[in-house]
Amino acid sequence: MKGKSLVLALSAALAGLSLGSTAHAQDKFVTIGTGGQTGVYYVAGQSICRFLNRGSAEHGIKCNAPASGGGVANVNGIRSGEFNFGIMQSDHQYKAMKGEAPFQAEGAMDDIRAVFSLQSEVFTILARRDAKIAGFDDLKGKRVNIGNPGSGQRDTLDEIMRVKGWDKSVFALAAELKPAEQASALGDNNIDAMTYFVGHPNGAIQEATTTVDAVLVPVTGAEIDKLLAEKSYYTKAEIPGGLYKGNDAPTASIGGKAVLSTSAKADPEVVYQLVKSVFDNLERFQRLHPAFKDLKAEDMIKVGLSAPLHEGAARYYKERGWL
């Protein structure tokens, strides 16, 4: 009897291991490209994974959202297969689809697909008050962080400089710091101004304005109006007054939407479950960052989506009667 019992126990244990191995083999792992850890992209990616992972026991999908180089890097990550999803500016989604700069070398990304849009973003310039930078043109001859290659801030600044006929040589220093590094550089007087394309309020801007007397710089003028007329993915935008110490008045600039993108090759069921996990918990999602508080489902499924919807996302939106 003891021998028989031992055999049965071993058989049951082996069966359990087999079932566990099978379940593990069926798990699907997805990665979302985000941005620097002080930015809203990182919070957005972490938040999406948080809700998707809550249902992993049912759908077998496990999600992670590491920090990345930003929107351009996320496009390239989706293209290479490093990322299954990526958060980017709406203009990068459009440029990738069309094969326009900064993606002209790789060519048109016909299979890029939209999932949903997120917060509004504003091209932001923050300068030390003692640098006496009152407008965009005052950046000439100053020490400016233009952003790391692959970031949205860098690409947008490049577009603005093109319409103004500028290149990096107009700056006394063109630093390529990552978002997490620029607030301390401003406070330590290593740069005069920092640039960022980001949703507000933002942690890096809050850090900088509490450690040094700094002002938000308007991005306006005839060349900016020309850019807005030529590039439909940009719109006039404004940073509300009172969000940051010493900046009580609103600041005019240009902006767009952050969007979650993927590839047409992405598993429709994975995309469906990701979308479902966010929209079934949208009120909770809105509470995870102040930049999310005004998100509305009817806008997220349409506004800023400059590429076709992925079929898995469209399936959920149709089920909800939104499409």
C-alpha atoms as a PDB file:
ATOM      1  CA  MET A   1       0.000   0.000   0.000  1.00  0.00           C
ATOM      2  CA  LYS A   2       2.802   2.347   0.887  1.00  0.00           C
ATOM      3  CA  GLY A   3       4.456   1.674  -2.471  1.00  0.00           C
ATOM      4  CA  LYS A   4       1.209   2.254  -4.337  1.00  0.00           C
ATOM      5  CA  SER A   5       0.554   5.463  -2.409  1.00  0.00           C
ATOM      6  CA  LEU A   6       4.041   6.716  -3.232  1.00  0.00           C
ATOM      7  CA  VAL A   7       3.533   6.009  -6.932  1.00  0.00           C
ATOM      8  CA  LEU A   8       0.187   7.851  -6.893  1.00  0.00           C
ATOM      9  CA  ALA A   9       1.710  10.823  -5.060  1.00  0.00           C
ATOM     10  CA  LEU A  10       4.604  11.022  -7.531  1.00  0.00           C
ATOM     11  CA  SER A  11       2.207  10.765 -10.463  1.00  0.00           C
ATOM     12  CA  ALA A  12       0.060  13.581  -9.092  1.00  0.00           C
ATOM     13  CA  ALA A  13       3.129  15.757  -8.489  1.00  0.00           C
ATOM     14  CA  LEU A  14       4.418  15.143 -12.000  1.00  0.00           C
ATOM     15  CA  ALA A  15       0.982  15.877 -13.442  1.00  0.00           C
ATOM     16  CA  GLY A  16       0.921  19.149 -11.508  1.00  0.00           C
ATOM     17  CA  LEU A  17       4.352  20.087 -12.834  1.00  0.00           C
ATOM     18  CA  SER A  18       3.241  19.239 -16.349  1.00  0.00           C
ATOM     19  CA  LEU A  19       0.122  21.380 -16.047  1.00  0.00           C
ATOM     20  CA  GLY A  20       2.153  24.235 -14.572  1.00  0.00           C
ATOM     21  CA  SER A  21       4.673  24.019 -17.389  1.00  0.00           C
ATOM     22  CA  THR A  22       1.878  24.025 -19.973  1.00  0.00           C
ATOM     23  CA  ALA A  23       0.223  27.057 -18.384  1.00  0.00           C
ATOM     24  CA  HIS A  24       3.558  28.861 -18.272  1.00  0.00           C
ATOM     25  CA  ALA A  25       4.221  28.031 -21.916  1.00  0.00           C
ATOM     26  CA  GLN A  26       0.896  29.592 -22.833  1.00  0.00           C
ATOM     27  CA  ASP A  27       1.721  32.916 -21.145  1.00  0.00           C
ATOM     28  CA  LYS A  28       2.224  35.796 -23.546  1.00  0.00           C
ATOM     29  CA  PHE A  29       4.703  38.496 -22.600  1.00  0.00           C
ATOM     30  CA  VAL A  30       4.327  42.002 -23.968  1.00  0.00           C
ATOM     31  CA  THR A  31       6.582  45.016 -23.617  1.00  0.00           C
ATOM     32  CA  ILE A  32       5.550  48.664 -23.880  1.00  0.00           C
ATOM     33  CA  GLY A  33       8.177  51.252 -24.814  1.00  0.00           C
ATOM     34  CA  THR A  34       7.725  54.355 -22.639  1.00  0.00           C
ATOM     35  CA  GLY A  35      10.188  57.200 -21.949  1.00  0.00           C
ATOM     36  CA  GLY A  36      12.318  58.601 -19.151  1.00  0.00           C
ATOM     37  CA  GLN A  37      11.304  57.733 -15.595  1.00  0.00           C
ATOM     38  CA  THR A  38      10.374  61.335 -14.745  1.00  0.00           C
ATOM     39  CA  GLY A  39       8.003  61.620 -17.709  1.00  0.00           C
ATOM     40  CA  VAL A  40       4.328  60.858 -18.207  1.00  0.00           C
ATOM     41  CA  TYR A  41       5.065  58.167 -20.837  1.00  0.00           C
ATOM     42  CA  TYR A  42       6.696  56.021 -18.171  1.00  0.00           C
ATOM     43  CA  VAL A  43       3.737  56.422 -15.821  1.00  0.00           C
ATOM     44  CA  ALA A  44       1.322  55.656 -18.671  1.00  0.00           C
ATOM     45  CA  GLY A  45       3.128  52.454 -19.637  1.00  0.00           C
ATOM     46  CA  GLN A  46       3.396  51.287 -16.042  1.00  0.00           C
ATOM     47  CA  SER A  47      -0.293  52.048 -15.490  1.00  0.00           C
ATOM     48  CA  ILE A  48      -1.401  50.133 -18.587  1.00  0.00           C
ATOM     49  CA  CYS A  49       0.653  47.123 -17.485  1.00  0.00           C
ATOM     50  CA  ARG A  50      -0.773  47.381 -13.987  1.00  0.00           C
ATOM     51  CA  PHE A  51      -4.315  46.830 -15.237  1.00  0.00           C
ATOM     52  CA  LEU A  52      -3.380  44.256 -17.877  1.00  0.00           C
ATOM     53  CA  ASN A  53      -1.416  42.201 -15.353  1.00  0.00           C
ATOM     54  CA  ARG A  54      -4.378  42.120 -12.948  1.00  0.00           C
ATOM     55  CA  GLY A  55      -6.156  39.798 -15.373  1.00  0.00           C
ATOM     56  CA  SER A  56      -3.150  37.649 -16.302  1.00  0.00           C
ATOM     57  CA  ALA A  57      -4.613  34.604 -14.531  1.00  0.00           C
ATOM     58  CA  GLU A  58      -7.541  34.695 -16.978  1.00  0.00           C
ATOM     59  CA  HIS A  59      -5.935  35.790 -20.255  1.00  0.00           C
ATOM     60  CA  GLY A  60      -2.329  34.644 -19.718  1.00  0.00           C
ATOM     61  CA  ILE A  61      -0.761  37.958 -20.744  1.00  0.00           C
ATOM     62  CA  LYS A  62       2.051  39.505 -18.724  1.00  0.00           C
ATOM     63  CA  CYS A  63       3.161  43.058 -19.342  1.00  0.00           C
ATOM     64  CA  ASN A  64       6.215  45.155 -18.584  1.00  0.00           C
ATOM     65  CA  ALA A  65       6.954  48.793 -19.456  1.00  0.00           C
ATOM     66  CA  PRO A  66      10.633  49.699 -19.144  1.00  0.00           C
ATOM     67  CA  ALA A  67      12.026  53.203 -19.491  1.00  0.00           C
ATOM     68  CA  SER A  68      13.136  53.969 -23.037  1.00  0.00           C
ATOM     69  CA  GLY A  69      14.609  56.725 -25.185  1.00  0.00           C
ATOM     70  CA  GLY A  70      11.155  58.132 -25.983  1.00  0.00           C
ATOM     71  CA  GLY A  71       8.774  58.311 -28.918  1.00  0.00           C
ATOM     72  CA  VAL A  72      11.182  57.930 -31.845  1.00  0.00           C
ATOM     73  CA  ALA A  73      12.976  55.082 -30.086  1.00  0.00           C
ATOM     74  CA  ASN A  74       9.604  53.440 -29.428  1.00  0.00           C
ATOM     75  CA  VAL A  75       8.685  53.556 -33.122  1.00  0.00           C
ATOM     76  CA  ASN A  76      11.969  51.880 -33.968  1.00  0.00           C
ATOM     77  CA  GLY A  77      11.438  49.387 -31.138  1.00  0.00           C
ATOM     78  CA  ILE A  78       8.066  48.345 -32.549  1.00  0.00           C
ATOM     79  CA  ARG A  79       9.598  48.066 -36.016  1.00  0.00           C
ATOM     80  CA  SER A  80      12.441  45.850 -34.772  1.00  0.00           C
ATOM     81  CA  GLY A  81      10.242  43.728 -32.513  1.00  0.00           C
ATOM     82  CA  GLU A  82      11.927  44.930 -29.309  1.00  0.00           C
ATOM     83  CA  PHE A  83       8.589  46.414 -28.199  1.00  0.00           C
ATOM     84  CA  ASN A  84       5.066  45.123 -28.820  1.00  0.00           C
ATOM     85  CA  PHE A  85       3.613  48.551 -28.066  1.00  0.00           C
ATOM     86  CA  GLY A  86       5.066  52.028 -27.774  1.00  0.00           C
ATOM     87  CA  ILE A  87       3.913  55.425 -26.543  1.00  0.00           C
ATOM     88  CA  MET A  88       4.738  58.311 -28.857  1.00  0.00           C
ATOM     89  CA  GLN A  89       3.617  61.700 -30.054  1.00  0.00           C
ATOM     90  CA  SER A  90       0.815  61.628 -32.613  1.00  0.00           C
ATOM     91  CA  ASP A  91       3.156  63.244 -35.157  1.00  0.00           C
ATOM     92  CA  HIS A  92       5.642  60.390 -34.784  1.00  0.00           C
ATOM     93  CA  GLN A  93       2.896  57.884 -35.502  1.00  0.00           C
ATOM     94  CA  TYR A  94       2.101  59.831 -38.684  1.00  0.00           C
ATOM     95  CA  LYS A  95       5.748  60.302 -39.729  1.00  0.00           C
ATOM     96  CA  ALA A  96       6.530  56.624 -39.183  1.00  0.00           C
ATOM     97  CA  MET A  97       3.543  55.586 -41.306  1.00  0.00           C
ATOM     98  CA  LYS A  98       4.612  57.924 -44.128  1.00  0.00           C
ATOM     99  CA  GLY A  99       8.362  57.331 -43.828  1.00  0.00           C
ATOM    100  CA  GLU A 100       9.062  61.004 -43.138  1.00  0.00           C
ATOM    101  CA  ALA A 101      11.969  62.373 -41.073  1.00  0.00           C
ATOM    102  CA  PRO A 102      13.219  61.124 -38.683  1.00  0.00           C
ATOM    103  CA  PHE A 103      12.172  57.772 -40.189  1.00  0.00           C
ATOM    104  CA  GLN A 104      13.058  58.336 -43.835  1.00  0.00           C
ATOM    105  CA  ALA A 105      16.015  55.932 -43.753  1.00  0.00           C
ATOM    106  CA  GLU A 106      13.789  53.047 -42.611  1.00  0.00           C
ATOM    107  CA  GLY A 107      11.002  53.905 -45.058  1.00  0.00           C
ATOM    108  CA  ALA A 108       7.244  53.951 -44.606  1.00  0.00           C
ATOM    109  CA  MET A 109       5.969  51.778 -41.746  1.00  0.00           C
ATOM    110  CA  ASP A 110       2.779  50.602 -43.417  1.00  0.00           C
ATOM    111  CA  ASP A 111       1.899  48.270 -40.566  1.00  0.00           C
ATOM    112  CA  ILE A 112       1.946  50.785 -37.695  1.00  0.00           C
ATOM    113  CA  ARG A 113      -1.415  50.770 -35.940  1.00  0.00           C
ATOM    114  CA  ALA A 114      -3.097  53.038 -33.396  1.00  0.00           C
ATOM    115  CA  VAL A 115      -4.506  51.656 -30.143  1.00  0.00           C
ATOM    116  CA  PHE A 116      -5.726  54.762 -28.292  1.00  0.00           C
ATOM    117  CA  SER A 117      -4.583  58.276 -27.462  1.00  0.00           C
ATOM    118  CA  LEU A 118      -3.633  59.518 -24.039  1.00  0.00           C
ATOM    119  CA  GLN A 119      -2.877  62.933 -22.548  1.00  0.00           C
ATOM    120  CA  SER A 120      -2.365  66.165 -24.431  1.00  0.00           C
ATOM    121  CA  GLU A 121       1.281  67.181 -24.640  1.00  0.00           C
ATOM    122  CA  VAL A 122       2.942  70.555 -24.974  1.00  0.00           C
ATOM    123  CA  PHE A 123       6.377  71.467 -26.304  1.00  0.00           C
ATOM    124  CA  THR A 124       7.867  73.019 -23.188  1.00  0.00           C
ATOM    125  CA  ILE A 125      10.865  75.273 -22.652  1.00  0.00           C
ATOM    126  CA  LEU A 126      11.946  76.056 -19.103  1.00  0.00           C
ATOM    127  CA  ALA A 127      14.767  78.559 -18.572  1.00  0.00           C
ATOM    128  CA  ARG A 128      16.664  79.937 -15.614  1.00  0.00           C
ATOM    129  CA  ARG A 129      15.285  83.397 -14.899  1.00  0.00           C
ATOM    130  CA  ASP A 130      18.815  84.816 -14.737  1.00  0.00           C
ATOM    131  CA  ALA A 131      19.433  83.645 -18.334  1.00  0.00           C
ATOM    132  CA  LYS A 132      16.942  86.317 -19.487  1.00  0.00           C
ATOM    133  CA  ILE A 133      15.160  84.127 -22.039  1.00  0.00           C
ATOM    134  CA  ALA A 134      11.748  85.691 -22.690  1.00  0.00           C
ATOM    135  CA  GLY A 135      10.965  84.068 -26.043  1.00  0.00           C
ATOM    136  CA  PHE A 136      12.170  81.290 -28.345  1.00  0.00           C
ATOM    137  CA  ASP A 137      14.566  83.561 -30.252  1.00  0.00           C
ATOM    138  CA  ASP A 138      16.385  84.339 -26.998  1.00  0.00           C
ATOM    139  CA  LEU A 139      17.723  80.765 -26.968  1.00  0.00           C
ATOM    140  CA  LYS A 140      20.380  81.850 -29.468  1.00  0.00           C
ATOM    141  CA  GLY A 141      23.784  81.877 -27.835  1.00  0.00           C
ATOM    142  CA  LYS A 142      22.508  80.022 -24.748  1.00  0.00           C
ATOM    143  CA  ARG A 143      23.279  76.612 -23.259  1.00  0.00           C
ATOM    144  CA  VAL A 144      20.243  74.517 -24.192  1.00  0.00           C
ATOM    145  CA  ASN A 145      19.373  70.885 -23.615  1.00  0.00           C
ATOM    146  CA  ILE A 146      18.004  69.838 -27.007  1.00  0.00           C
ATOM    147  CA  GLY A 147      17.195  66.314 -25.794  1.00  0.00           C
ATOM    148  CA  ASN A 148      18.564  62.855 -26.362  1.00  0.00           C
ATOM    149  CA  PRO A 149      18.426  61.388 -29.873  1.00  0.00           C
ATOM    150  CA  GLY A 150      15.218  59.374 -30.242  1.00  0.00           C
ATOM    151  CA  SER A 151      13.168  61.647 -28.009  1.00  0.00           C
ATOM    152  CA  GLY A 152      10.078  63.609 -28.952  1.00  0.00           C
ATOM    153  CA  GLN A 153      11.505  66.851 -27.610  1.00  0.00           C
ATOM    154  CA  ARG A 154      14.520  66.517 -29.921  1.00  0.00           C
ATOM    155  CA  ASP A 155      12.452  65.818 -33.022  1.00  0.00           C
ATOM    156  CA  THR A 156      10.008  68.669 -32.358  1.00  0.00           C
ATOM    157  CA  LEU A 157      12.834  71.096 -31.643  1.00  0.00           C
ATOM    158  CA  ASP A 158      14.472  70.016 -34.908  1.00  0.00           C
ATOM    159  CA  GLU A 159      11.243  70.849 -36.764  1.00  0.00           C
ATOM    160  CA  ILE A 160      11.018  74.260 -35.133  1.00  0.00           C
ATOM    161  CA  MET A 161      14.663  74.985 -35.919  1.00  0.00           C
ATOM    162  CA  ARG A 162      14.135  74.018 -39.568  1.00  0.00           C
ATOM    163  CA  VAL A 163      11.335  76.555 -40.058  1.00  0.00           C
ATOM    164  CA  LYS A 164      13.500  79.164 -38.358  1.00  0.00           C
ATOM    165  CA  GLY A 165      16.556  78.318 -40.451  1.00  0.00           C
ATOM    166  CA  TRP A 166      18.580  77.345 -37.375  1.00  0.00           C
ATOM    167  CA  ASP A 167      20.907  74.471 -36.601  1.00  0.00           C
ATOM    168  CA  LYS A 168      22.675  73.416 -33.395  1.00  0.00           C
ATOM    169  CA  SER A 169      25.461  75.910 -33.982  1.00  0.00           C
ATOM    170  CA  VAL A 170      23.188  78.772 -32.844  1.00  0.00           C
ATOM    171  CA  PHE A 171      23.513  77.536 -29.256  1.00  0.00           C
ATOM    172  CA  ALA A 172      26.535  78.092 -27.029  1.00  0.00           C
ATOM    173  CA  LEU A 173      25.969  74.489 -25.917  1.00  0.00           C
ATOM    174  CA  ALA A 174      23.593  71.891 -27.375  1.00  0.00           C
ATOM    175  CA  ALA A 175      23.332  69.313 -24.600  1.00  0.00           C
ATOM    176  CA  GLU A 176      21.779  65.884 -25.276  1.00  0.00           C
ATOM    177  CA  LEU A 177      20.677  65.044 -21.757  1.00  0.00           C
ATOM    178  CA  LYS A 178      17.898  62.563 -21.057  1.00  0.00           C
ATOM    179  CA  PRO A 179      14.700  63.913 -19.438  1.00  0.00           C
ATOM    180  CA  ALA A 180      15.691  62.652 -15.984  1.00  0.00           C
ATOM    181  CA  GLU A 181      18.979  64.547 -16.124  1.00  0.00           C
ATOM    182  CA  GLN A 182      17.938  67.987 -17.284  1.00  0.00           C
ATOM    183  CA  ALA A 183      16.240  69.383 -14.160  1.00  0.00           C
ATOM    184  CA  SER A 184      19.393  68.946 -12.064  1.00  0.00           C
ATOM    185  CA  ALA A 185      21.515  70.368 -14.904  1.00  0.00           C
ATOM    186  CA  LEU A 186      19.346  73.486 -14.900  1.00  0.00           C
ATOM    187  CA  GLY A 187      19.553  73.776 -11.119  1.00  0.00           C
ATOM    188  CA  ASP A 188      23.345  73.310 -11.151  1.00  0.00           C
ATOM    189  CA  ASN A 189      23.678  76.065 -13.778  1.00  0.00           C
ATOM    190  CA  ASN A 190      25.119  73.665 -16.359  1.00  0.00           C
ATOM    191  CA  ILE A 191      22.461  74.705 -18.871  1.00  0.00           C
ATOM    192  CA  ASP A 192      20.376  77.854 -19.317  1.00  0.00           C
ATOM    193  CA  ALA A 193      17.257  76.141 -20.662  1.00  0.00           C
ATOM    194  CA  MET A 194      15.704  72.704 -21.003  1.00  0.00           C
ATOM    195  CA  THR A 195      13.211  71.466 -23.579  1.00  0.00           C
ATOM    196  CA  TYR A 196      10.533  68.819 -23.147  1.00  0.00           C
ATOM    197  CA  PHE A 197       7.499  67.563 -25.090  1.00  0.00           C
ATOM    198  CA  VAL A 198       5.334  66.376 -22.258  1.00  0.00           C
ATOM    199  CA  GLY A 199       1.979  66.319 -20.509  1.00  0.00           C
ATOM    200  CA  HIS A 200       1.430  68.639 -17.557  1.00  0.00           C
ATOM    201  CA  PRO A 201       1.865  68.724 -14.636  1.00  0.00           C
ATOM    202  CA  ASN A 202       5.257  67.050 -14.953  1.00  0.00           C
ATOM    203  CA  GLY A 203       7.651  65.902 -12.254  1.00  0.00           C
ATOM    204  CA  ALA A 204      10.834  67.134 -13.926  1.00  0.00           C
ATOM    205  CA  ILE A 205       9.396  70.635 -14.404  1.00  0.00           C
ATOM    206  CA  GLN A 206       8.179  70.657 -10.796  1.00  0.00           C
ATOM    207  CA  GLU A 207      11.633  69.577  -9.600  1.00  0.00           C
ATOM    208  CA  ALA A 208      13.363  72.279 -11.615  1.00  0.00           C
ATOM    209  CA  THR A 209      11.046  75.112 -10.589  1.00  0.00           C
ATOM    210  CA  THR A 210      11.387  74.252  -6.890  1.00  0.00           C
ATOM    211  CA  THR A 211      15.193  74.112  -6.978  1.00  0.00           C
ATOM    212  CA  VAL A 212      15.918  77.170  -9.132  1.00  0.00           C
ATOM    213  CA  ASP A 213      14.078  80.347 -10.136  1.00  0.00           C
ATOM    214  CA  ALA A 214      12.922  79.288 -13.591  1.00  0.00           C
ATOM    215  CA  VAL A 215      10.375  80.500 -16.139  1.00  0.00           C
ATOM    216  CA  LEU A 216       8.348  78.805 -18.859  1.00  0.00           C
ATOM    217  CA  VAL A 217       9.141  80.289 -22.275  1.00  0.00           C
ATOM    218  CA  PRO A 218       6.399  80.865 -24.879  1.00  0.00           C
ATOM    219  CA  VAL A 219       6.835  79.223 -28.284  1.00  0.00           C
ATOM    220  CA  THR A 220       5.095  81.627 -30.646  1.00  0.00           C
ATOM    221  CA  GLY A 221       5.735  83.778 -33.709  1.00  0.00           C
ATOM    222  CA  ALA A 222       5.396  83.819 -37.489  1.00  0.00           C
ATOM    223  CA  GLU A 223       7.575  80.735 -38.040  1.00  0.00           C
ATOM    224  CA  ILE A 224       5.563  78.798 -35.455  1.00  0.00           C
ATOM    225  CA  ASP A 225       2.342  79.785 -37.236  1.00  0.00           C
ATOM    226  CA  LYS A 226       3.894  78.530 -40.486  1.00  0.00           C
ATOM    227  CA  LEU A 227       4.759  75.222 -38.846  1.00  0.00           C
ATOM    228  CA  LEU A 228       1.193  74.841 -37.540  1.00  0.00           C
ATOM    229  CA  ALA A 229      -0.187  75.558 -41.019  1.00  0.00           C
ATOM    230  CA  GLU A 230       2.094  72.988 -42.657  1.00  0.00           C
ATOM    231  CA  LYS A 231       1.925  70.211 -40.059  1.00  0.00           C
ATOM    232  CA  SER A 232      -1.620  69.248 -39.122  1.00  0.00           C
ATOM    233  CA  TYR A 233      -0.427  66.936 -36.340  1.00  0.00           C
ATOM    234  CA  TYR A 234       0.568  69.996 -34.294  1.00  0.00           C
ATOM    235  CA  THR A 235      -1.954  72.333 -32.700  1.00  0.00           C
ATOM    236  CA  LYS A 236      -1.782  75.496 -30.642  1.00  0.00           C
ATOM    237  CA  ALA A 237      -1.436  74.542 -26.983  1.00  0.00           C
ATOM    238  CA  GLU A 238      -1.048  76.157 -23.611  1.00  0.00           C
ATOM    239  CA  ILE A 239       0.537  75.275 -20.286  1.00  0.00           C
ATOM    240  CA  PRO A 240      -1.941  76.430 -17.616  1.00  0.00           C
ATOM    241  CA  GLY A 241      -0.794  79.040 -15.143  1.00  0.00           C
ATOM    242  CA  GLY A 242      -0.242  78.110 -11.521  1.00  0.00           C
ATOM    243  CA  LEU A 243       1.032  74.567 -12.067  1.00  0.00           C
ATOM    244  CA  TYR A 244       4.614  75.467 -11.249  1.00  0.00           C
ATOM    245  CA  LYS A 245       6.275  77.782  -8.753  1.00  0.00           C
ATOM    246  CA  GLY A 246       6.911  81.231 -10.181  1.00  0.00           C
ATOM    247  CA  ASN A 247       4.777  80.639 -13.295  1.00  0.00           C
ATOM    248  CA  ASP A 248       1.323  82.008 -12.526  1.00  0.00           C
ATOM    249  CA  ALA A 249       0.330  82.984 -16.080  1.00  0.00           C
ATOM    250  CA  PRO A 250      -0.469  80.521 -18.902  1.00  0.00           C
ATOM    251  CA  THR A 251       2.293  79.890 -21.454  1.00  0.00           C
ATOM    252  CA  ALA A 252       1.508  79.544 -25.173  1.00  0.00           C
ATOM    253  CA  SER A 253       3.195  76.838 -27.251  1.00  0.00           C
ATOM    254  CA  ILE A 254       2.428  73.996 -29.663  1.00  0.00           C
ATOM    255  CA  GLY A 255       1.310  70.502 -28.813  1.00  0.00           C
ATOM    256  CA  GLY A 256      -0.304  67.244 -29.775  1.00  0.00           C
ATOM    257  CA  LYS A 257      -1.488  63.966 -28.299  1.00  0.00           C
ATOM    258  CA  ALA A 258       0.424  61.067 -26.836  1.00  0.00           C
ATOM    259  CA  VAL A 259      -0.703  57.828 -28.486  1.00  0.00           C
ATOM    260  CA  LEU A 260      -0.229  54.139 -27.817  1.00  0.00           C
ATOM    261  CA  SER A 261       0.799  52.382 -31.011  1.00  0.00           C
ATOM    262  CA  THR A 262       1.528  48.841 -32.098  1.00  0.00           C
ATOM    263  CA  SER A 263       2.052  46.799 -35.263  1.00  0.00           C
ATOM    264  CA  ALA A 264      -0.550  45.129 -37.461  1.00  0.00           C
ATOM    265  CA  LYS A 265       1.340  41.919 -36.640  1.00  0.00           C
ATOM    266  CA  ALA A 266       0.390  42.184 -32.955  1.00  0.00           C
ATOM    267  CA  ASP A 267      -1.947  39.410 -31.761  1.00  0.00           C
ATOM    268  CA  PRO A 268      -5.518  40.819 -31.947  1.00  0.00           C
ATOM    269  CA  GLU A 269      -6.461  39.057 -28.712  1.00  0.00           C
ATOM    270  CA  VAL A 270      -3.534  40.651 -26.849  1.00  0.00           C
ATOM    271  CA  VAL A 271      -4.474  44.110 -28.142  1.00  0.00           C
ATOM    272  CA  TYR A 272      -8.125  43.493 -27.256  1.00  0.00           C
ATOM    273  CA  GLN A 273      -7.286  42.447 -23.700  1.00  0.00           C
ATOM    274  CA  LEU A 274      -4.955  45.429 -23.201  1.00  0.00           C
ATOM    275  CA  VAL A 275      -7.587  47.883 -24.415  1.00  0.00           C
ATOM    276  CA  LYS A 276     -10.281  46.197 -22.329  1.00  0.00           C
ATOM    277  CA  SER A 277      -8.135  46.329 -19.195  1.00  0.00           C
ATOM    278  CA  VAL A 278      -7.696  50.109 -19.562  1.00  0.00           C
ATOM    279  CA  PHE A 279     -11.210  51.137 -20.565  1.00  0.00           C
ATOM    280  CA  ASP A 280     -12.886  48.821 -18.064  1.00  0.00           C
ATOM    281  CA  ASN A 281     -10.877  50.682 -15.406  1.00  0.00           C
ATOM    282  CA  LEU A 282     -10.723  54.148 -16.955  1.00  0.00           C
ATOM    283  CA  GLU A 283     -11.752  56.019 -13.806  1.00  0.00           C
ATOM    284  CA  ARG A 284      -8.986  54.294 -11.848  1.00  0.00           C
ATOM    285  CA  PHE A 285      -6.535  54.952 -14.665  1.00  0.00           C
ATOM    286  CA  GLN A 286      -7.379  58.667 -14.577  1.00  0.00           C
ATOM    287  CA  ARG A 287      -6.332  58.850 -10.923  1.00  0.00           C
ATOM    288  CA  LEU A 288      -2.829  57.517 -11.531  1.00  0.00           C
ATOM    289  CA  HIS A 289      -1.435  60.822 -12.838  1.00  0.00           C
ATOM    290  CA  PRO A 290      -2.807  64.384 -12.937  1.00  0.00           C
ATOM    291  CA  ALA A 291      -2.215  64.475 -16.723  1.00  0.00           C
ATOM    292  CA  PHE A 292      -4.796  61.665 -17.112  1.00  0.00           C
ATOM    293  CA  LYS A 293      -7.629  63.276 -15.174  1.00  0.00           C
ATOM    294  CA  ASP A 294      -9.402  64.752 -18.219  1.00  0.00           C
ATOM    295  CA  LEU A 295      -9.150  61.661 -20.434  1.00  0.00           C
ATOM    296  CA  LYS A 296     -12.432  60.778 -22.137  1.00  0.00           C
ATOM    297  CA  ALA A 297     -13.109  57.502 -23.902  1.00  0.00           C
ATOM    298  CA  GLU A 298     -14.755  59.219 -26.879  1.00  0.00           C
ATOM    299  CA  ASP A 299     -11.583  61.261 -27.472  1.00  0.00           C
ATOM    300  CA  MET A 300      -9.103  58.463 -26.776  1.00  0.00           C
ATOM    301  CA  ILE A 301     -10.469  56.308 -29.602  1.00  0.00           C
ATOM    302  CA  LYS A 302     -10.344  59.086 -32.221  1.00  0.00           C
ATOM    303  CA  VAL A 303      -8.365  62.242 -31.375  1.00  0.00           C
ATOM    304  CA  GLY A 304      -4.698  62.131 -32.360  1.00  0.00           C
ATOM    305  CA  LEU A 305      -4.902  58.738 -34.056  1.00  0.00           C
ATOM    306  CA  SER A 306      -2.913  59.393 -37.225  1.00  0.00           C
ATOM    307  CA  ALA A 307      -2.675  55.689 -38.181  1.00  0.00           C
ATOM    308  CA  PRO A 308      -5.408  53.057 -38.696  1.00  0.00           C
ATOM    309  CA  LEU A 309      -6.824  51.364 -35.604  1.00  0.00           C
ATOM    310  CA  HIS A 310      -5.533  47.892 -34.796  1.00  0.00           C
ATOM    311  CA  GLU A 311      -8.262  45.295 -35.330  1.00  0.00           C
ATOM    312  CA  GLY A 312      -8.051  44.134 -31.698  1.00  0.00           C
ATOM    313  CA  ALA A 313      -8.727  47.682 -30.462  1.00  0.00           C
ATOM    314  CA  ALA A 314     -11.530  48.207 -32.988  1.00  0.00           C
ATOM    315  CA  ARG A 315     -13.179  44.978 -31.807  1.00  0.00           C
ATOM    316  CA  TYR A 316     -13.461  46.278 -28.238  1.00  0.00           C
ATOM    317  CA  TYR A 317     -14.685  49.726 -29.313  1.00  0.00           C
ATOM    318  CA  LYS A 318     -17.392  48.139 -31.475  1.00  0.00           C
ATOM    319  CA  GLU A 319     -18.471  45.925 -28.584  1.00  0.00           C
ATOM    320  CA  ARG A 320     -18.920  49.067 -26.490  1.00  0.00           C
ATOM    321  CA  GLY A 321     -20.918  50.715 -29.285  1.00  0.00           C
ATOM    322  CA  TRP A 322     -18.335  53.458 -29.749  1.00  0.00           C
ATOM    323  CA  LEU A 323     -17.593  52.684 -33.403  1.00  0.00           C
END
